[in-house]
Amino acid sequence: MASLMCLIYLILLFSLLLCSIEGRNIPLTEEEDLEIEKELQSLNKPPVKTLKSFTGDLFDCIEMYKQPAFDNPVLKNHKLQIRPSFLTKSNVTTDENFKPPLDPGFNDTCPLGTVIIRRTRKEELIMAKELPKYFRNYGSRYGVLDSSDNNYYAIMQSQKAKFHGFESSITTWALPNVGPDQSTANQVWMVGDLDGPEENLNVIQTGWHVNPKLYDDKFTRFFTYYTIDDYKTGCMNLLCKGFIQVSAIHGPGYAFTGSDLSTYGGNQSYFSFQIRKDPELGHWWLSTADENLGYWPKEVLPSFDVSKQIDFGGIVYSPNNEGSPPMGSGYFAEEGMGKSSYFMSVTFRGDDQRAFTPGKNWARVAQNVADKYYQIIGPNPDSGLWNVAYGGPGGLFNTSELTVPIIV
């Protein structure tokens, strides 16, 4: 009997250690492990078909009305919106024989009536407990960026107003020099009610990032993120039930490879996207130049009737004992087109639902590091397109070198 109990103890101990290893040294109790296994089964619905990307990721084709988001209790009575109301029928393909184009990143396509969802790995759910520290950067209701946890940023920050959308094209880059415990992100933050209780701050984010600890690789990936409690918790991609996917071609977690990436002094590739509030139903849609990807339902964003502030640019995370990773292209903003990273043709959308290029004094530079690490250049134009360059090689070793946040 004693030997049997000893064997059971060793098995449990091994399981705990295994979870710690798989979770990159994040120890789990037996109860936490069981809960994660349950959530993993809930997120990974039985697929109609499975696609394998050239990066080795598995993407499941899930029946549109059976996707995990609809298991969220707040979406119990939600009616799926197939397309945003601001599109006309002429913008949408309804032919049941329509076959989406073969994406160069996959070996096949998802069938009609399904959506494409990257299969969640157990390690990612374990890592999800740590994700807010990679994204948290609002320390007060006034939008003062927080430099804790070694987040270094160089962004454009809008004046306070009422916004219904954002649109731009971001250059995409490979950044192989990001360390295993670091991350670098290039994104837009759309911030909700800055005048409400700080703990209820809602923010939605999208762009591209390199996050080796989450994905166990250094690919440049498209991501989505949102928080409803000022970054105490948050939801990355489809690791929890919130963002509703409608596309059968692209989805959060998709990796940019080959011609999808820019080259220094050569071809420039862009991720073009818009976030826009649906004027009829109030959901927040995320679309690319060619595809409606999905939306954040208004039910999951209780304090996000409009965006009160828009920030965009770069943010990196790094432990204190490591030189901070590259941002953008890894080269300084002053190097210019073809070498630095850019947000091109930036537009906001106002109460009248019209897109506009913000003029002089509509936004300001905000950064918490010296220009020898990262830069951002792109004053609001009096006329014409608004293009913003940003980035740098990094190399900041500890927070003692941080500056008082620079706001210009």
Protein backbone atom coordinates (compact mmCIF):
# COMPACT_ATOMS: atom_id res chain seq x y z
CA MET A 1 0.00 0.00 0.00
CA ALA A 2 2.82 2.38 0.88
CA SER A 3 4.55 1.65 -2.40
CA LEU A 4 1.30 2.35 -4.29
CA MET A 5 0.87 5.71 -2.54
CA CYS A 6 4.49 6.54 -3.32
CA LEU A 7 3.91 5.74 -6.99
CA ILE A 8 0.80 7.95 -7.10
CA TYR A 9 2.72 10.79 -5.48
CA LEU A 10 5.54 10.48 -8.02
CA ILE A 11 3.07 10.50 -10.91
CA LEU A 12 1.40 13.66 -9.57
CA LEU A 13 4.77 15.30 -8.97
CA PHE A 14 5.90 14.46 -12.51
CA SER A 15 2.67 15.88 -13.94
CA LEU A 16 3.20 19.13 -12.01
CA LEU A 17 6.80 19.39 -13.20
CA LEU A 18 5.76 18.63 -16.78
CA CYS A 19 3.21 21.44 -16.68
CA SER A 20 5.92 23.71 -15.32
CA ILE A 21 8.25 22.82 -18.19
CA GLU A 22 5.57 23.07 -20.87
CA GLY A 23 4.41 26.35 -19.39
CA ARG A 24 7.94 27.70 -19.45
CA ASN A 25 8.49 27.49 -15.70
CA ILE A 26 5.00 28.55 -14.68
CA PRO A 27 4.06 25.95 -12.02
CA LEU A 28 0.49 24.68 -11.91
CA THR A 29 -1.49 23.01 -9.18
CA GLU A 30 -3.42 19.86 -10.04
CA GLU A 31 -6.67 21.87 -10.01
CA GLU A 32 -5.22 24.50 -12.37
CA ASP A 33 -4.00 21.81 -14.73
CA LEU A 34 -7.44 20.18 -14.86
CA GLU A 35 -9.06 23.56 -15.47
CA ILE A 36 -6.70 24.32 -18.35
CA GLU A 37 -7.36 20.92 -19.93
CA LYS A 38 -11.10 21.62 -19.70
CA GLU A 39 -10.70 25.06 -21.28
CA LEU A 40 -8.49 23.62 -24.02
CA GLN A 41 -11.22 21.19 -25.02
CA SER A 42 -13.77 24.01 -24.96
CA LEU A 43 -11.66 26.24 -27.24
CA ASN A 44 -10.60 23.55 -29.72
CA LYS A 45 -13.95 22.63 -31.24
CA PRO A 46 -14.23 19.55 -33.49
CA PRO A 47 -13.10 20.81 -36.92
CA VAL A 48 -14.77 20.27 -40.25
CA LYS A 49 -11.26 20.34 -41.71
CA THR A 50 -7.75 21.16 -40.49
CA LEU A 51 -5.18 23.20 -42.41
CA LYS A 52 -1.47 23.23 -41.73
CA SER A 53 0.39 26.47 -42.32
CA PHE A 54 3.89 26.62 -43.72
CA THR A 55 5.04 27.63 -40.23
CA GLY A 56 3.76 24.35 -38.80
CA ASP A 57 0.68 25.82 -37.08
CA LEU A 58 -2.62 23.99 -37.21
CA PHE A 59 -5.70 26.03 -38.17
CA ASP A 60 -9.11 24.41 -37.78
CA CYS A 61 -12.10 25.10 -40.00
CA ILE A 62 -14.95 25.43 -37.48
CA GLU A 63 -18.63 25.80 -38.32
CA MET A 64 -19.29 29.52 -38.08
CA TYR A 65 -22.15 29.21 -35.59
CA LYS A 66 -20.26 26.75 -33.38
CA GLN A 67 -17.11 28.79 -32.79
CA PRO A 68 -15.90 29.13 -29.17
CA ALA A 69 -16.97 32.79 -28.78
CA PHE A 70 -20.61 31.72 -28.52
CA ASP A 71 -19.84 29.81 -25.31
CA ASN A 72 -19.27 33.15 -23.59
CA PRO A 73 -22.23 33.69 -21.23
CA VAL A 74 -22.56 37.36 -22.21
CA LEU A 75 -23.06 36.26 -25.84
CA LYS A 76 -25.84 33.80 -24.98
CA ASN A 77 -28.41 35.83 -26.94
CA HIS A 78 -26.01 37.35 -29.46
CA LYS A 79 -27.03 37.22 -33.11
CA LEU A 80 -24.07 36.65 -35.43
CA GLN A 81 -23.37 39.58 -37.76
CA ILE A 82 -22.06 38.12 -41.01
CA ARG A 83 -20.81 41.45 -42.36
CA PRO A 84 -20.71 45.04 -41.10
CA SER A 85 -23.65 47.25 -41.97
CA PHE A 86 -21.36 49.82 -43.56
CA LEU A 87 -20.76 47.40 -46.46
CA THR A 88 -23.18 47.17 -49.35
CA LYS A 89 -24.20 43.83 -50.83
CA SER A 90 -22.02 44.56 -53.84
CA ASN A 91 -19.00 44.29 -51.53
CA VAL A 92 -19.87 40.75 -50.46
CA THR A 93 -19.63 37.42 -52.28
CA THR A 94 -22.75 35.32 -51.63
CA ASP A 95 -22.33 32.66 -54.33
CA GLU A 96 -22.45 29.28 -52.56
CA ASN A 97 -19.99 27.92 -55.12
CA PHE A 98 -17.44 30.59 -54.25
CA LYS A 99 -14.07 29.13 -53.29
CA PRO A 100 -11.70 31.49 -51.45
CA PRO A 101 -8.26 31.92 -52.99
CA LEU A 102 -5.51 29.62 -51.76
CA ASP A 103 -3.52 31.62 -49.28
CA PRO A 104 0.26 31.18 -49.74
CA GLY A 105 0.54 30.42 -46.03
CA PHE A 106 -1.65 27.30 -46.14
CA ASN A 107 -1.79 23.99 -47.95
CA ASP A 108 -5.56 24.20 -48.57
CA THR A 109 -8.66 26.32 -47.89
CA CYS A 110 -11.55 26.19 -45.43
CA PRO A 111 -14.98 25.29 -46.85
CA LEU A 112 -17.86 27.73 -47.09
CA GLY A 113 -19.77 28.17 -43.85
CA THR A 114 -16.72 27.72 -41.65
CA VAL A 115 -14.26 30.11 -40.04
CA ILE A 116 -10.54 29.60 -39.65
CA ILE A 117 -9.27 29.41 -36.06
CA ARG A 118 -5.71 28.71 -35.00
CA ARG A 119 -5.65 25.64 -32.77
CA THR A 120 -4.82 26.57 -29.19
CA ARG A 121 -1.95 24.75 -27.50
CA LYS A 122 -1.87 24.00 -23.79
CA GLU A 123 1.33 26.01 -23.40
CA GLU A 124 -0.44 29.11 -24.69
CA LEU A 125 -3.22 28.84 -22.11
CA ILE A 126 -0.61 28.51 -19.38
CA MET A 127 1.20 31.56 -20.75
CA ALA A 128 -2.07 33.51 -20.90
CA LYS A 129 -1.71 34.16 -17.16
CA GLU A 130 1.34 36.31 -17.91
CA LEU A 131 0.11 38.09 -21.05
CA PRO A 132 -1.14 41.35 -19.47
CA LYS A 133 2.41 42.37 -18.58
CA TYR A 134 3.30 42.35 -22.28
CA PHE A 135 0.41 44.66 -23.12
CA ARG A 136 -0.28 46.73 -20.03
CA ASN A 137 0.71 50.34 -20.53
CA TYR A 138 -2.08 52.47 -19.14
CA GLY A 139 -1.42 53.47 -15.57
CA SER A 140 -4.17 56.03 -15.08
CA ARG A 141 -7.47 57.28 -16.40
CA TYR A 142 -5.57 60.11 -18.07
CA GLY A 143 -3.72 57.74 -20.38
CA VAL A 144 -0.30 58.12 -18.76
CA LEU A 145 1.73 55.22 -20.05
CA ASP A 146 3.11 52.89 -17.41
CA SER A 147 6.84 52.08 -17.52
CA SER A 148 6.59 49.22 -15.02
CA ASP A 149 7.48 45.66 -15.98
CA ASN A 150 10.06 47.03 -18.45
CA ASN A 151 7.66 48.11 -21.18
CA TYR A 152 9.41 50.62 -23.45
CA TYR A 153 7.37 52.49 -26.01
CA ALA A 154 7.44 55.08 -28.77
CA ILE A 155 3.96 56.04 -29.87
CA MET A 156 1.69 58.68 -31.31
CA GLN A 157 -1.09 59.59 -28.89
CA SER A 158 -4.23 61.35 -30.03
CA GLN A 159 -5.91 64.16 -28.21
CA LYS A 160 -9.01 63.18 -26.28
CA ALA A 161 -12.10 63.06 -28.50
CA LYS A 162 -14.76 60.63 -29.73
CA PHE A 163 -13.53 58.17 -32.33
CA HIS A 164 -15.42 55.50 -34.26
CA GLY A 165 -12.50 53.99 -36.13
CA PHE A 166 -8.85 53.84 -37.18
CA GLU A 167 -7.21 52.80 -40.44
CA SER A 168 -3.61 52.41 -41.57
CA SER A 169 -1.06 50.17 -43.29
CA ILE A 170 1.87 48.95 -41.17
CA THR A 171 5.09 47.73 -42.70
CA THR A 172 5.82 44.16 -41.59
CA TRP A 173 9.31 42.95 -40.68
CA ALA A 174 11.12 39.83 -39.51
CA LEU A 175 12.86 40.38 -36.16
CA PRO A 176 14.95 37.29 -35.36
CA ASN A 177 16.88 39.04 -32.57
CA VAL A 178 14.01 39.02 -30.07
CA GLY A 179 15.04 37.04 -26.99
CA PRO A 180 13.03 34.07 -25.63
CA ASP A 181 11.66 36.12 -22.70
CA GLN A 182 11.09 39.31 -24.71
CA SER A 183 8.42 40.64 -27.04
CA THR A 184 8.07 43.42 -29.58
CA ALA A 185 4.74 44.72 -30.85
CA ASN A 186 3.61 47.21 -33.48
CA GLN A 187 0.00 48.12 -32.96
CA VAL A 188 -2.89 50.47 -32.42
CA TRP A 189 -4.60 50.94 -29.06
CA MET A 190 -8.20 52.13 -29.15
CA VAL A 191 -9.03 53.26 -25.63
CA GLY A 192 -12.54 53.40 -24.21
CA ASP A 193 -13.99 55.63 -21.52
CA LEU A 194 -11.07 57.49 -19.92
CA ASP A 195 -13.50 59.40 -17.69
CA GLY A 196 -15.02 56.33 -16.07
CA PRO A 197 -13.65 54.22 -13.20
CA GLU A 198 -10.03 53.31 -13.88
CA GLU A 199 -10.64 49.63 -13.12
CA ASN A 200 -13.26 49.50 -15.91
CA LEU A 201 -11.00 50.79 -18.68
CA ASN A 202 -11.70 48.96 -21.97
CA VAL A 203 -9.01 48.81 -24.69
CA ILE A 204 -8.85 46.94 -28.00
CA GLN A 205 -5.58 46.40 -29.84
CA THR A 206 -4.33 44.87 -33.08
CA GLY A 207 -1.21 44.81 -35.23
CA TRP A 208 1.74 42.47 -35.49
CA HIS A 209 4.19 41.18 -32.93
CA VAL A 210 6.99 38.74 -32.23
CA ASN A 211 6.44 36.89 -28.96
CA PRO A 212 8.63 33.77 -28.59
CA LYS A 213 7.37 32.91 -25.12
CA LEU A 214 3.77 32.67 -26.31
CA TYR A 215 4.22 30.91 -29.66
CA ASP A 216 7.54 29.13 -29.05
CA ASP A 217 8.91 30.70 -32.24
CA LYS A 218 10.05 34.06 -33.62
CA PHE A 219 7.63 34.48 -36.48
CA THR A 220 6.00 37.84 -37.11
CA ARG A 221 2.31 37.33 -36.35
CA PHE A 222 -0.95 39.22 -36.68
CA PHE A 223 -2.69 39.48 -33.31
CA THR A 224 -5.72 40.86 -31.52
CA TYR A 225 -6.06 41.75 -27.85
CA TYR A 226 -8.59 43.35 -25.55
CA THR A 227 -9.03 44.14 -21.87
CA ILE A 228 -12.07 45.33 -19.94
CA ASP A 229 -10.41 45.92 -16.55
CA ASP A 230 -7.36 48.14 -17.17
CA TYR A 231 -5.05 45.19 -17.97
CA LYS A 232 -5.65 43.23 -14.80
CA THR A 233 -6.74 40.54 -17.26
CA GLY A 234 -6.83 40.44 -21.03
CA CYS A 235 -7.66 38.29 -24.03
CA MET A 236 -5.07 37.51 -26.70
CA ASN A 237 -6.28 36.32 -30.11
CA LEU A 238 -8.83 33.54 -29.55
CA LEU A 239 -7.34 32.19 -26.31
CA CYS A 240 -10.60 33.16 -24.64
CA LYS A 241 -14.15 33.56 -25.87
CA GLY A 242 -14.70 37.12 -27.06
CA PHE A 243 -13.63 38.04 -30.59
CA ILE A 244 -16.02 36.59 -33.20
CA GLN A 245 -14.34 35.30 -36.35
CA VAL A 246 -16.14 35.50 -39.71
CA SER A 247 -13.24 34.90 -42.12
CA ALA A 248 -12.32 31.52 -43.58
CA ILE A 249 -9.01 32.87 -44.90
CA HIS A 250 -7.14 34.72 -42.14
CA GLY A 251 -7.35 34.79 -38.38
CA PRO A 252 -5.48 35.94 -35.27
CA GLY A 253 -2.16 34.19 -34.83
CA TYR A 254 -1.47 34.05 -38.58
CA ALA A 255 2.25 34.37 -39.41
CA PHE A 256 3.71 36.67 -42.06
CA THR A 257 6.45 34.95 -44.06
CA GLY A 258 8.40 35.40 -47.30
CA SER A 259 7.00 38.17 -49.48
CA ASP A 260 4.68 39.22 -46.62
CA LEU A 261 7.75 40.78 -44.96
CA SER A 262 9.71 43.92 -45.84
CA THR A 263 13.41 43.92 -46.66
CA TYR A 264 15.84 46.64 -45.61
CA GLY A 265 16.38 48.95 -48.58
CA GLY A 266 14.19 46.73 -50.76
CA ASN A 267 10.60 45.59 -51.15
CA GLN A 268 8.18 46.95 -48.56
CA SER A 269 5.24 44.81 -47.44
CA TYR A 270 2.24 46.10 -45.50
CA PHE A 271 -0.49 44.84 -43.22
CA SER A 272 -3.44 47.09 -44.09
CA PHE A 273 -6.33 47.10 -41.65
CA GLN A 274 -9.14 49.10 -40.12
CA ILE A 275 -11.03 48.96 -36.84
CA ARG A 276 -14.48 50.48 -37.19
CA LYS A 277 -17.61 50.63 -35.07
CA ASP A 278 -20.70 49.34 -36.83
CA PRO A 279 -23.10 52.31 -36.83
CA GLU A 280 -26.20 50.11 -36.61
CA LEU A 281 -25.33 47.32 -34.16
CA GLY A 282 -22.44 48.86 -32.25
CA HIS A 283 -19.92 46.02 -32.68
CA TRP A 284 -16.25 46.83 -33.42
CA TRP A 285 -15.15 45.33 -36.74
CA LEU A 286 -11.60 44.40 -37.74
CA SER A 287 -11.00 44.24 -41.49
CA THR A 288 -8.04 44.06 -43.83
CA ALA A 289 -7.88 45.62 -47.27
CA ASP A 290 -9.52 42.52 -48.74
CA GLU A 291 -11.31 40.71 -45.94
CA ASN A 292 -13.62 41.23 -42.97
CA LEU A 293 -11.89 39.19 -40.28
CA GLY A 294 -14.39 39.50 -37.44
CA TYR A 295 -15.50 41.74 -34.61
CA TRP A 296 -15.47 42.44 -30.91
CA PRO A 297 -19.17 42.29 -29.91
CA LYS A 298 -20.44 45.25 -27.92
CA GLU A 299 -21.53 42.80 -25.21
CA VAL A 300 -17.92 41.96 -24.30
CA LEU A 301 -16.89 45.65 -24.16
CA PRO A 302 -19.19 47.19 -21.53
CA SER A 303 -17.36 50.55 -21.38
CA PHE A 304 -16.59 51.05 -25.05
CA ASP A 305 -19.38 52.96 -26.71
CA VAL A 306 -16.76 55.11 -28.44
CA SER A 307 -12.98 55.30 -28.33
CA LYS A 308 -11.87 58.35 -26.36
CA GLN A 309 -8.21 58.08 -27.40
CA ILE A 310 -6.15 56.37 -30.10
CA ASP A 311 -2.48 55.49 -29.73
CA PHE A 312 -0.30 53.73 -32.28
CA GLY A 313 3.36 52.84 -32.62
CA GLY A 314 5.72 50.36 -31.01
CA ILE A 315 6.13 48.79 -27.59
CA VAL A 316 8.65 46.19 -26.39
CA TYR A 317 9.01 44.11 -23.25
CA SER A 318 12.26 42.84 -21.76
CA PRO A 319 13.58 41.55 -18.43
CA ASN A 320 15.90 43.91 -16.58
CA ASN A 321 19.04 41.89 -17.17
CA GLU A 322 18.73 41.81 -20.98
CA GLY A 323 19.22 44.47 -23.62
CA SER A 324 15.77 45.42 -24.88
CA PRO A 325 14.70 43.96 -28.26
CA PRO A 326 14.35 45.78 -31.59
CA MET A 327 11.21 47.74 -32.39
CA GLY A 328 9.64 48.18 -35.82
CA SER A 329 12.23 47.26 -38.46
CA GLY A 330 15.04 47.34 -35.90
CA TYR A 331 16.34 50.56 -37.46
CA PHE A 332 15.83 54.16 -36.43
CA ALA A 333 12.87 56.19 -37.68
CA GLU A 334 15.23 58.82 -39.10
CA GLU A 335 16.52 56.33 -41.71
CA GLY A 336 13.30 56.88 -43.64
CA MET A 337 11.25 54.99 -46.18
CA GLY A 338 12.45 51.52 -47.09
CA LYS A 339 14.54 51.18 -43.95
CA SER A 340 12.48 52.19 -40.92
CA SER A 341 9.06 50.89 -39.96
CA TYR A 342 5.95 52.92 -40.84
CA PHE A 343 2.31 53.46 -40.15
CA MET A 344 1.20 54.69 -43.57
CA SER A 345 -1.85 56.78 -44.50
CA VAL A 346 -3.19 57.00 -40.95
CA THR A 347 -6.85 58.08 -40.68
CA PHE A 348 -9.30 58.36 -37.80
CA ARG A 349 -13.07 58.10 -38.02
CA GLY A 350 -15.30 60.59 -36.21
CA ASP A 351 -18.88 60.79 -34.98
CA ASP A 352 -20.08 61.38 -38.52
CA GLN A 353 -18.60 57.99 -39.56
CA ARG A 354 -16.30 59.69 -42.07
CA ALA A 355 -12.57 58.93 -42.22
CA PHE A 356 -10.30 61.93 -41.84
CA THR A 357 -6.59 62.67 -41.66
CA PRO A 358 -5.91 64.30 -38.30
CA GLY A 359 -4.44 67.75 -38.74
CA LYS A 360 -1.98 69.77 -36.72
CA ASN A 361 -2.19 69.35 -32.92
CA TRP A 362 -4.42 66.27 -33.18
CA ALA A 363 -1.71 63.97 -31.80
CA ARG A 364 1.59 64.08 -29.95
CA VAL A 365 4.66 61.90 -29.56
CA ALA A 366 4.93 59.93 -26.30
CA GLN A 367 7.93 57.78 -25.40
CA ASN A 368 9.69 56.73 -22.21
CA VAL A 369 13.14 56.06 -23.68
CA ALA A 370 15.87 58.17 -25.23
CA ASP A 371 16.17 58.43 -29.00
CA LYS A 372 19.38 56.39 -28.93
CA TYR A 373 17.18 53.31 -28.33
CA TYR A 374 13.91 54.00 -30.16
CA GLN A 375 12.45 56.89 -32.17
CA ILE A 376 9.14 58.00 -33.56
CA ILE A 377 8.82 60.72 -36.22
CA GLY A 378 5.68 61.94 -37.94
CA PRO A 379 4.08 65.25 -36.99
CA ASN A 380 0.50 65.77 -38.06
CA PRO A 381 0.50 67.25 -41.56
CA ASP A 382 -1.33 70.44 -42.48
CA SER A 383 -2.50 68.57 -45.58
CA GLY A 384 -1.91 65.30 -47.40
CA LEU A 385 -1.20 61.82 -46.03
CA TRP A 386 -0.08 61.17 -42.47
CA ASN A 387 2.83 58.72 -42.41
CA VAL A 388 4.61 57.95 -39.13
CA ALA A 389 8.06 56.33 -38.88
CA TYR A 390 9.14 54.60 -35.68
CA GLY A 391 11.47 51.95 -34.25
CA GLY A 392 15.05 51.29 -33.33
CA PRO A 393 17.57 48.60 -32.35
CA GLY A 394 16.90 48.74 -28.60
CA GLY A 395 19.68 47.66 -26.25
CA LEU A 396 18.29 49.29 -23.09
CA PHE A 397 19.46 47.11 -20.18
CA ASN A 398 17.56 48.33 -17.15
CA THR A 399 14.97 50.79 -15.96
CA SER A 400 17.59 53.07 -14.41
CA GLU A 401 18.16 54.32 -17.95
CA LEU A 402 14.48 55.15 -18.47
CA THR A 403 13.65 58.77 -19.04
CA VAL A 404 10.68 60.63 -17.65
CA PRO A 405 8.03 60.00 -20.35
CA ILE A 406 8.77 62.36 -23.22
CA ILE A 407 5.66 64.02 -24.64
CA VAL A 408 6.03 66.36 -27.58
